[in-house]
Amino acid sequence: MTVKELKKFFKDHLVPSRLYKMKGGNHKNRICITQNKKKEWEVYFSEGKTKIGLMRFATESEACQRMKEEVCKVMEQLYGLSWKGFA
């Protein structure tokens, strides 16, 4: 899975865009994905300039899968929605 495919998945499954950011950076209370200067993929929760729960991956696909799982958890907690058949 690529970042582009993941973004489409989120859009198709009506995930509010305020929950995630596909280009990383400093965003208030969003799950982010980005590629760092070392060409590693990062997934983390952004709280201002702080990266909480930073996870690094060698491939875009691994990072996208993890981000999908993390956003799924948030959707279940906030809205009671599950993608068990899709994730």
N, C-alpha and C. Protein backbone atom coordinates (compact mmCIF):
# COMPACT_ATOMS: atom_id res chain seq x y z
N MET A 1 0.84 -1.17 0.00
CA MET A 1 0.00 0.00 0.00
C MET A 1 0.89 1.24 0.00
N THR A 2 0.48 2.23 -0.73
CA THR A 2 1.20 3.50 -0.79
C THR A 2 0.42 4.56 -0.01
N VAL A 3 1.07 5.68 0.23
CA VAL A 3 0.41 6.79 0.92
C VAL A 3 -0.81 7.24 0.12
N LYS A 4 -0.68 7.28 -1.19
CA LYS A 4 -1.80 7.68 -2.05
C LYS A 4 -2.98 6.71 -1.90
N GLU A 5 -2.69 5.43 -1.87
CA GLU A 5 -3.75 4.42 -1.70
C GLU A 5 -4.38 4.51 -0.31
N LEU A 6 -3.55 4.77 0.68
CA LEU A 6 -4.06 4.90 2.04
C LEU A 6 -4.98 6.11 2.17
N LYS A 7 -4.59 7.21 1.56
CA LYS A 7 -5.42 8.41 1.59
C LYS A 7 -6.78 8.13 0.94
N LYS A 8 -6.78 7.39 -0.16
CA LYS A 8 -8.03 7.03 -0.82
C LYS A 8 -8.87 6.13 0.07
N PHE A 9 -8.22 5.17 0.76
CA PHE A 9 -8.93 4.29 1.68
C PHE A 9 -9.63 5.12 2.76
N PHE A 10 -8.90 6.07 3.35
CA PHE A 10 -9.49 6.92 4.39
C PHE A 10 -10.66 7.71 3.84
N LYS A 11 -10.51 8.25 2.65
CA LYS A 11 -11.59 9.03 2.04
C LYS A 11 -12.80 8.14 1.77
N ASP A 12 -12.56 6.96 1.20
CA ASP A 12 -13.65 6.02 0.89
C ASP A 12 -14.39 5.55 2.14
N HIS A 13 -13.68 5.49 3.28
CA HIS A 13 -14.28 5.02 4.52
C HIS A 13 -14.65 6.17 5.46
N LEU A 14 -14.72 7.37 4.90
CA LEU A 14 -15.21 8.57 5.59
C LEU A 14 -14.47 8.90 6.88
N VAL A 15 -13.16 8.71 6.85
CA VAL A 15 -12.33 9.07 8.01
C VAL A 15 -12.15 10.59 7.98
N PRO A 16 -12.52 11.27 9.07
CA PRO A 16 -12.35 12.73 9.09
C PRO A 16 -10.88 13.12 8.90
N SER A 17 -10.64 14.05 8.01
CA SER A 17 -9.26 14.46 7.70
C SER A 17 -8.57 15.11 8.89
N ARG A 18 -9.32 15.54 9.89
CA ARG A 18 -8.71 16.14 11.08
C ARG A 18 -8.02 15.12 11.98
N LEU A 19 -8.17 13.82 11.64
CA LEU A 19 -7.53 12.78 12.44
C LEU A 19 -6.14 12.43 11.94
N TYR A 20 -5.81 12.79 10.70
CA TYR A 20 -4.54 12.35 10.13
C TYR A 20 -3.93 13.40 9.22
N LYS A 21 -2.64 13.22 8.96
CA LYS A 21 -1.91 14.08 8.02
C LYS A 21 -0.94 13.19 7.27
N MET A 22 -0.96 13.27 5.96
CA MET A 22 -0.14 12.38 5.13
C MET A 22 1.26 12.91 4.85
N LYS A 23 1.58 14.12 5.27
CA LYS A 23 2.90 14.68 4.98
C LYS A 23 3.70 15.00 6.23
N GLY A 24 3.29 14.46 7.36
CA GLY A 24 4.04 14.70 8.58
C GLY A 24 4.07 16.15 8.97
N GLY A 25 5.04 16.51 9.75
CA GLY A 25 5.18 17.89 10.18
C GLY A 25 4.59 18.11 11.56
N ASN A 26 4.38 19.37 11.90
CA ASN A 26 3.86 19.74 13.21
C ASN A 26 2.38 20.06 13.09
N HIS A 27 1.56 19.13 13.49
CA HIS A 27 0.12 19.30 13.41
C HIS A 27 -0.48 18.99 14.76
N LYS A 28 -1.53 19.68 15.10
CA LYS A 28 -2.14 19.50 16.40
C LYS A 28 -3.03 18.26 16.42
N ASN A 29 -2.65 17.30 17.23
CA ASN A 29 -3.47 16.12 17.50
C ASN A 29 -3.87 15.34 16.25
N ARG A 30 -2.88 14.93 15.48
CA ARG A 30 -3.13 14.11 14.29
C ARG A 30 -2.13 12.96 14.22
N ILE A 31 -2.56 11.87 13.62
CA ILE A 31 -1.65 10.78 13.32
C ILE A 31 -1.01 11.12 11.98
N CYS A 32 0.31 11.08 11.94
CA CYS A 32 1.05 11.52 10.77
C CYS A 32 1.91 10.40 10.18
N ILE A 33 2.15 10.52 8.88
CA ILE A 33 3.09 9.63 8.19
C ILE A 33 3.99 10.51 7.34
N THR A 34 5.28 10.18 7.32
CA THR A 34 6.22 10.96 6.53
C THR A 34 7.48 10.13 6.29
N GLN A 35 8.26 10.57 5.34
CA GLN A 35 9.55 9.95 5.10
C GLN A 35 10.62 10.92 5.57
N ASN A 36 11.52 10.47 6.45
CA ASN A 36 12.52 11.37 7.01
C ASN A 36 13.74 11.49 6.07
N LYS A 37 14.73 12.27 6.51
CA LYS A 37 15.93 12.51 5.69
C LYS A 37 16.75 11.26 5.45
N LYS A 38 16.61 10.27 6.33
CA LYS A 38 17.33 9.00 6.17
C LYS A 38 16.56 8.02 5.29
N LYS A 39 15.47 8.48 4.71
CA LYS A 39 14.61 7.67 3.84
C LYS A 39 13.84 6.59 4.60
N GLU A 40 13.73 6.76 5.93
CA GLU A 40 12.90 5.86 6.73
C GLU A 40 11.49 6.45 6.76
N TRP A 41 10.51 5.58 6.88
CA TRP A 41 9.12 6.02 7.00
C TRP A 41 8.77 6.13 8.48
N GLU A 42 8.10 7.21 8.85
CA GLU A 42 7.72 7.43 10.23
C GLU A 42 6.20 7.56 10.37
N VAL A 43 5.69 6.97 11.43
CA VAL A 43 4.29 7.12 11.80
C VAL A 43 4.30 7.56 13.26
N TYR A 44 3.52 8.60 13.58
CA TYR A 44 3.51 9.12 14.94
C TYR A 44 2.27 9.97 15.17
N PHE A 45 2.00 10.24 16.43
CA PHE A 45 0.95 11.17 16.81
C PHE A 45 1.62 12.51 17.06
N SER A 46 1.14 13.53 16.40
CA SER A 46 1.73 14.85 16.52
C SER A 46 0.94 15.70 17.51
N GLU A 47 1.65 16.21 18.49
CA GLU A 47 1.08 17.15 19.44
C GLU A 47 1.96 18.39 19.39
N GLY A 48 1.64 19.26 18.45
CA GLY A 48 2.50 20.42 18.22
C GLY A 48 3.81 19.95 17.59
N LYS A 49 4.93 20.30 18.21
CA LYS A 49 6.24 19.90 17.68
C LYS A 49 6.71 18.56 18.24
N THR A 50 5.90 17.94 19.09
CA THR A 50 6.29 16.69 19.73
C THR A 50 5.73 15.50 18.96
N LYS A 51 6.61 14.53 18.65
CA LYS A 51 6.20 13.29 17.99
C LYS A 51 6.02 12.23 19.07
N ILE A 52 4.79 11.86 19.33
CA ILE A 52 4.49 10.88 20.38
C ILE A 52 4.33 9.51 19.74
N GLY A 53 4.94 8.50 20.35
CA GLY A 53 4.81 7.13 19.85
C GLY A 53 5.46 6.93 18.49
N LEU A 54 6.56 7.59 18.25
CA LEU A 54 7.25 7.54 16.96
C LEU A 54 7.65 6.11 16.60
N MET A 55 7.22 5.66 15.42
CA MET A 55 7.58 4.34 14.90
C MET A 55 8.24 4.54 13.55
N ARG A 56 9.34 3.83 13.29
CA ARG A 56 10.05 3.93 12.02
C ARG A 56 9.95 2.62 11.26
N PHE A 57 9.84 2.74 9.93
CA PHE A 57 9.70 1.57 9.07
C PHE A 57 10.61 1.70 7.86
N ALA A 58 11.05 0.56 7.35
CA ALA A 58 11.94 0.54 6.18
C ALA A 58 11.17 0.79 4.89
N THR A 59 9.89 0.40 4.86
CA THR A 59 9.14 0.54 3.61
C THR A 59 7.87 1.39 3.80
N GLU A 60 7.45 1.98 2.72
CA GLU A 60 6.22 2.76 2.70
C GLU A 60 5.02 1.87 3.04
N SER A 61 5.02 0.67 2.51
CA SER A 61 3.91 -0.26 2.73
C SER A 61 3.74 -0.60 4.21
N GLU A 62 4.84 -0.88 4.90
CA GLU A 62 4.79 -1.19 6.33
C GLU A 62 4.25 0.00 7.13
N ALA A 63 4.73 1.18 6.79
CA ALA A 63 4.29 2.39 7.49
C ALA A 63 2.81 2.66 7.24
N CYS A 64 2.36 2.48 6.02
CA CYS A 64 0.95 2.70 5.69
C CYS A 64 0.06 1.73 6.44
N GLN A 65 0.47 0.47 6.50
CA GLN A 65 -0.32 -0.53 7.22
C GLN A 65 -0.44 -0.16 8.70
N ARG A 66 0.67 0.29 9.29
CA ARG A 66 0.64 0.66 10.71
C ARG A 66 -0.23 1.89 10.92
N MET A 67 -0.14 2.88 10.02
CA MET A 67 -0.96 4.07 10.16
C MET A 67 -2.44 3.70 10.05
N LYS A 68 -2.75 2.83 9.13
CA LYS A 68 -4.13 2.36 8.95
C LYS A 68 -4.63 1.74 10.26
N GLU A 69 -3.80 0.93 10.90
CA GLU A 69 -4.16 0.28 12.16
C GLU A 69 -4.38 1.32 13.27
N GLU A 70 -3.51 2.32 13.33
CA GLU A 70 -3.61 3.34 14.36
C GLU A 70 -4.86 4.20 14.17
N VAL A 71 -5.15 4.57 12.93
CA VAL A 71 -6.35 5.36 12.65
C VAL A 71 -7.60 4.53 12.96
N CYS A 72 -7.53 3.24 12.67
CA CYS A 72 -8.64 2.33 12.99
C CYS A 72 -8.93 2.34 14.49
N LYS A 73 -7.88 2.30 15.30
CA LYS A 73 -8.06 2.33 16.75
C LYS A 73 -8.76 3.61 17.19
N VAL A 74 -8.34 4.73 16.61
CA VAL A 74 -8.93 6.02 16.96
C VAL A 74 -10.40 6.06 16.53
N MET A 75 -10.70 5.55 15.35
CA MET A 75 -12.09 5.52 14.87
C MET A 75 -12.97 4.68 15.80
N GLU A 76 -12.43 3.57 16.28
CA GLU A 76 -13.19 2.73 17.22
C GLU A 76 -13.43 3.46 18.53
N GLN A 77 -12.40 4.12 19.04
CA GLN A 77 -12.52 4.82 20.32
C GLN A 77 -13.46 6.02 20.25
N LEU A 78 -13.32 6.81 19.20
CA LEU A 78 -14.11 8.04 19.08
C LEU A 78 -15.53 7.82 18.59
N TYR A 79 -15.67 6.93 17.61
CA TYR A 79 -16.96 6.80 16.93
C TYR A 79 -17.60 5.42 17.05
N GLY A 80 -16.90 4.47 17.65
CA GLY A 80 -17.45 3.12 17.76
C GLY A 80 -17.51 2.39 16.44
N LEU A 81 -16.72 2.84 15.46
CA LEU A 81 -16.70 2.22 14.13
C LEU A 81 -15.51 1.30 14.00
N SER A 82 -15.70 0.20 13.31
CA SER A 82 -14.62 -0.76 13.13
C SER A 82 -14.50 -1.15 11.67
N TRP A 83 -13.25 -1.40 11.23
CA TRP A 83 -12.99 -1.87 9.88
C TRP A 83 -12.51 -3.29 9.91
N LYS A 84 -12.94 -4.06 10.88
CA LYS A 84 -12.41 -5.42 11.05
C LYS A 84 -12.32 -6.18 9.74
N GLY A 85 -13.28 -6.05 8.86
CA GLY A 85 -13.25 -6.75 7.59
C GLY A 85 -12.40 -6.09 6.53
N PHE A 86 -11.94 -4.84 6.81
CA PHE A 86 -11.19 -4.08 5.82
C PHE A 86 -9.72 -3.92 6.16
N ALA A 87 -9.38 -3.93 7.44
CA ALA A 87 -8.02 -3.64 7.89
C ALA A 87 -7.07 -4.76 7.66
